[in-house]
Amino acid sequence: MTRALVLFAHPCPESFSASLHRTVVERLTARGWEVDDCDLNAEGFSPVLTEAERRDYHDLSANTGPVAPYVERVRAAQALVLVFPVWNFGYPAILKGFFDRVFLPGVSFRMENGLVKPALTQIRKLAAVTTYGGSRWRTFGAGDPPRKVVSRALRYATQAETLRYLALYDMNRASDAKRAAFLARVGAEMERL
């Protein structure tokens, strides 16, 4: 049985992102996967890296203390699925803060002779499900930072064999039919993940 950590980052339960989140969780559960559904907003996750956390960042004996339960959840995962909207060409603050506070030295990477080495190699499947307010071309012009973080940094940290990046662009003008088609695509991709 595959254990998936689903990280959801949207504050509004009636949002389209929430529909995407429900679809992801339902499809993975229907496949028989063990799903650790982490709704960062509902759980009250604090995205703020404190002064003390920054000072202990490289101290492997202390750095995970403030976020130990989340570190355990990440380390237990064999698949990581992110569900989030892209705001201002980046992650919602709560998800960015999760990466800042939880993807620490000794957790997502380790240093060997000054080089970064992956440390989440038990995660073999990686997916992101997202929406963008802007068009694909506008996003491409801005460099598409969320896609690059998933496809480069997170993939490197995990060494994932499977990667899915599912994006609905131009969300602000998407018709009901376009949103429904994207929901169906997300469901189908979760079947193949």
Protein backbone atom coordinates (compact mmCIF):
# COMPACT_ATOMS: atom_id res chain seq x y z
CA MET A 1 0.00 0.00 0.00
CA THR A 2 1.31 3.43 -0.95
CA ARG A 3 1.20 6.16 1.70
CA ALA A 4 0.56 9.61 0.23
CA LEU A 5 0.95 12.94 1.96
CA VAL A 6 -1.46 15.41 0.35
CA LEU A 7 -0.54 19.01 1.17
CA PHE A 8 -3.50 21.33 0.55
CA ALA A 9 -3.07 25.12 0.70
CA HIS A 10 -6.23 27.19 0.24
CA PRO A 11 -8.21 28.89 3.01
CA CYS A 12 -11.69 28.66 1.43
CA PRO A 13 -13.58 25.33 1.53
CA GLU A 14 -15.89 26.42 -1.33
CA SER A 15 -13.00 27.20 -3.71
CA PHE A 16 -12.20 25.35 -6.91
CA SER A 17 -8.91 24.37 -5.27
CA ALA A 18 -10.96 22.64 -2.55
CA SER A 19 -12.77 20.68 -5.29
CA LEU A 20 -9.42 19.63 -6.72
CA HIS A 21 -8.26 18.63 -3.23
CA ARG A 22 -11.36 16.47 -2.67
CA THR A 23 -10.88 14.80 -6.06
CA VAL A 24 -7.23 13.99 -5.27
CA VAL A 25 -8.04 12.52 -1.85
CA GLU A 26 -11.06 10.55 -3.13
CA ARG A 27 -9.20 9.02 -6.08
CA LEU A 28 -6.11 8.04 -4.11
CA THR A 29 -8.25 6.57 -1.33
CA ALA A 30 -10.33 4.64 -3.88
CA ARG A 31 -7.09 3.12 -5.19
CA GLY A 32 -6.42 1.73 -1.72
CA TRP A 33 -3.71 4.22 -0.86
CA GLU A 34 -3.24 5.38 2.72
CA VAL A 35 -3.79 9.14 2.48
CA ASP A 36 -2.45 11.57 5.05
CA ASP A 37 -4.60 14.59 4.18
CA CYS A 38 -2.81 17.70 5.44
CA ASP A 39 -5.03 20.77 5.02
CA LEU A 40 -2.52 23.38 6.15
CA ASN A 41 -5.12 26.10 6.77
CA ALA A 42 -7.55 23.84 8.62
CA GLU A 43 -4.70 22.53 10.78
CA GLY A 44 -3.62 26.06 11.63
CA PHE A 45 -0.07 25.57 10.37
CA SER A 46 2.04 28.66 11.05
CA PRO A 47 4.16 29.51 8.00
CA VAL A 48 6.42 31.93 9.88
CA LEU A 49 10.01 30.84 10.36
CA THR A 50 10.92 32.27 13.75
CA GLU A 51 14.24 33.79 14.75
CA ALA A 52 15.02 30.77 16.92
CA GLU A 53 14.18 28.36 14.08
CA ARG A 54 16.47 30.25 11.71
CA ARG A 55 19.30 30.20 14.24
CA ASP A 56 18.86 26.41 14.68
CA TYR A 57 18.35 25.78 10.94
CA HIS A 58 21.65 23.91 10.46
CA ASP A 59 21.62 22.27 13.92
CA LEU A 60 20.42 18.77 13.06
CA SER A 61 19.83 17.96 16.74
CA ALA A 62 17.38 20.87 17.19
CA ASN A 63 16.03 22.08 13.85
CA THR A 64 13.05 19.72 13.60
CA GLY A 65 11.78 20.30 17.15
CA PRO A 66 9.17 23.01 16.42
CA VAL A 67 7.71 21.07 13.47
CA ALA A 68 8.40 17.48 14.49
CA PRO A 69 4.89 16.12 13.74
CA TYR A 70 5.06 17.51 10.19
CA VAL A 71 8.57 16.14 9.69
CA GLU A 72 7.30 12.70 10.73
CA ARG A 73 4.46 12.94 8.20
CA VAL A 74 6.82 13.89 5.37
CA ARG A 75 9.26 11.12 6.27
CA ALA A 76 6.42 8.55 6.34
CA ALA A 77 5.24 9.45 2.84
CA GLN A 78 5.98 7.43 -0.28
CA ALA A 79 4.09 9.91 -2.47
CA LEU A 80 3.74 13.67 -2.15
CA VAL A 81 0.82 15.50 -3.77
CA LEU A 82 0.55 19.29 -3.56
CA VAL A 83 -2.79 21.01 -4.20
CA PHE A 84 -2.59 24.81 -4.28
CA PRO A 85 -3.42 27.92 -6.29
CA VAL A 86 -0.61 30.02 -7.73
CA TRP A 87 -0.84 33.52 -6.30
CA ASN A 88 1.48 36.31 -7.48
CA PHE A 89 3.51 33.76 -9.46
CA GLY A 90 4.26 31.77 -6.34
CA TYR A 91 2.94 29.48 -3.65
CA PRO A 92 0.40 30.64 -1.07
CA ALA A 93 2.36 31.83 1.98
CA ILE A 94 1.24 28.86 4.06
CA LEU A 95 2.73 26.36 1.59
CA LYS A 96 5.93 28.36 1.11
CA GLY A 97 6.22 28.53 4.89
CA PHE A 98 5.75 24.76 5.10
CA PHE A 99 8.75 24.29 2.81
CA ASP A 100 10.77 26.85 4.79
CA ARG A 101 9.97 25.30 8.17
CA VAL A 102 9.73 21.56 7.38
CA PHE A 103 12.04 20.89 4.41
CA LEU A 104 15.10 21.34 6.59
CA PRO A 105 18.69 20.13 6.51
CA GLY A 106 18.54 16.50 7.54
CA VAL A 107 14.92 16.25 6.37
CA SER A 108 14.70 17.10 2.67
CA PHE A 109 18.44 17.36 2.04
CA ARG A 110 21.78 16.74 3.65
CA MET A 111 25.13 18.39 3.08
CA GLU A 112 28.12 16.27 2.03
CA ASN A 113 31.42 18.02 1.36
CA GLY A 114 29.58 21.26 0.63
CA LEU A 115 27.16 19.62 -1.80
CA VAL A 116 23.40 19.22 -1.36
CA LYS A 117 22.24 15.59 -1.45
CA PRO A 118 18.61 14.39 -1.52
CA ALA A 119 17.16 13.05 1.73
CA LEU A 120 13.50 12.27 0.90
CA THR A 121 14.28 9.37 -1.40
CA GLN A 122 11.48 7.24 0.07
CA ILE A 123 9.08 9.52 -1.87
CA ARG A 124 8.83 7.84 -5.27
CA LYS A 125 5.81 9.72 -6.65
CA LEU A 126 5.42 13.48 -6.82
CA ALA A 127 2.49 15.50 -8.12
CA ALA A 128 1.26 19.07 -8.09
CA VAL A 129 -2.30 20.13 -8.87
CA THR A 130 -2.66 23.86 -9.30
CA THR A 131 -4.47 26.78 -10.89
CA TYR A 132 -3.04 30.01 -12.28
CA GLY A 133 -4.97 33.26 -12.70
CA GLY A 134 -2.81 34.19 -15.68
CA SER A 135 -2.42 32.55 -19.06
CA ARG A 136 0.28 29.98 -19.80
CA TRP A 137 2.19 32.58 -21.86
CA ARG A 138 2.06 35.18 -19.10
CA THR A 139 3.23 32.57 -16.61
CA PHE A 140 5.98 31.40 -18.97
CA GLY A 141 7.15 35.02 -19.28
CA ALA A 142 7.46 35.23 -15.50
CA GLY A 143 9.51 32.02 -15.39
CA ASP A 144 6.80 29.86 -13.77
CA PRO A 145 8.54 29.54 -10.38
CA PRO A 146 6.07 27.01 -8.85
CA ARG A 147 6.57 24.57 -11.73
CA LYS A 148 10.34 24.90 -11.47
CA VAL A 149 10.36 24.28 -7.72
CA VAL A 150 8.30 21.11 -8.16
CA SER A 151 10.06 19.78 -11.25
CA ARG A 152 13.57 20.68 -10.15
CA ALA A 153 14.02 21.23 -6.39
CA LEU A 154 11.34 18.89 -5.03
CA ARG A 155 12.06 16.25 -7.62
CA TYR A 156 15.75 16.39 -6.72
CA ALA A 157 15.03 16.16 -2.97
CA THR A 158 12.82 13.13 -3.52
CA GLN A 159 14.41 11.54 -6.58
CA ALA A 160 10.80 10.72 -7.53
CA GLU A 161 10.39 8.24 -10.37
CA THR A 162 6.96 9.65 -11.26
CA LEU A 163 6.20 13.36 -11.64
CA ARG A 164 2.88 14.96 -12.56
CA TYR A 165 2.39 18.73 -12.81
CA LEU A 166 -1.25 19.46 -13.55
CA ALA A 167 -2.07 23.11 -14.10
CA LEU A 168 -5.18 24.99 -15.14
CA TYR A 169 -4.05 28.31 -16.58
CA ASP A 170 -6.20 31.42 -17.02
CA MET A 171 -8.44 30.33 -14.14
CA ASN A 172 -9.95 33.80 -13.89
CA ARG A 173 -11.65 33.29 -17.25
CA ALA A 174 -12.17 29.52 -17.18
CA SER A 175 -15.66 28.36 -18.09
CA ASP A 176 -17.58 25.76 -16.10
CA ALA A 177 -16.79 23.27 -18.86
CA LYS A 178 -13.06 24.01 -18.71
CA ARG A 179 -13.02 23.58 -14.92
CA ALA A 180 -15.00 20.34 -15.17
CA ALA A 181 -12.59 19.00 -17.79
CA PHE A 182 -9.63 19.85 -15.55
CA LEU A 183 -11.26 18.11 -12.56
CA ALA A 184 -11.74 15.02 -14.74
CA ARG A 185 -8.11 15.19 -15.88
CA VAL A 186 -6.90 15.44 -12.28
CA GLY A 187 -9.00 12.42 -11.33
CA ALA A 188 -7.62 10.41 -14.22
CA GLU A 189 -4.03 11.38 -13.44
CA MET A 190 -4.46 10.34 -9.80
CA GLU A 191 -5.54 6.94 -11.13
CA ARG A 192 -2.20 6.69 -12.98
CA LEU A 193 0.10 8.26 -10.39
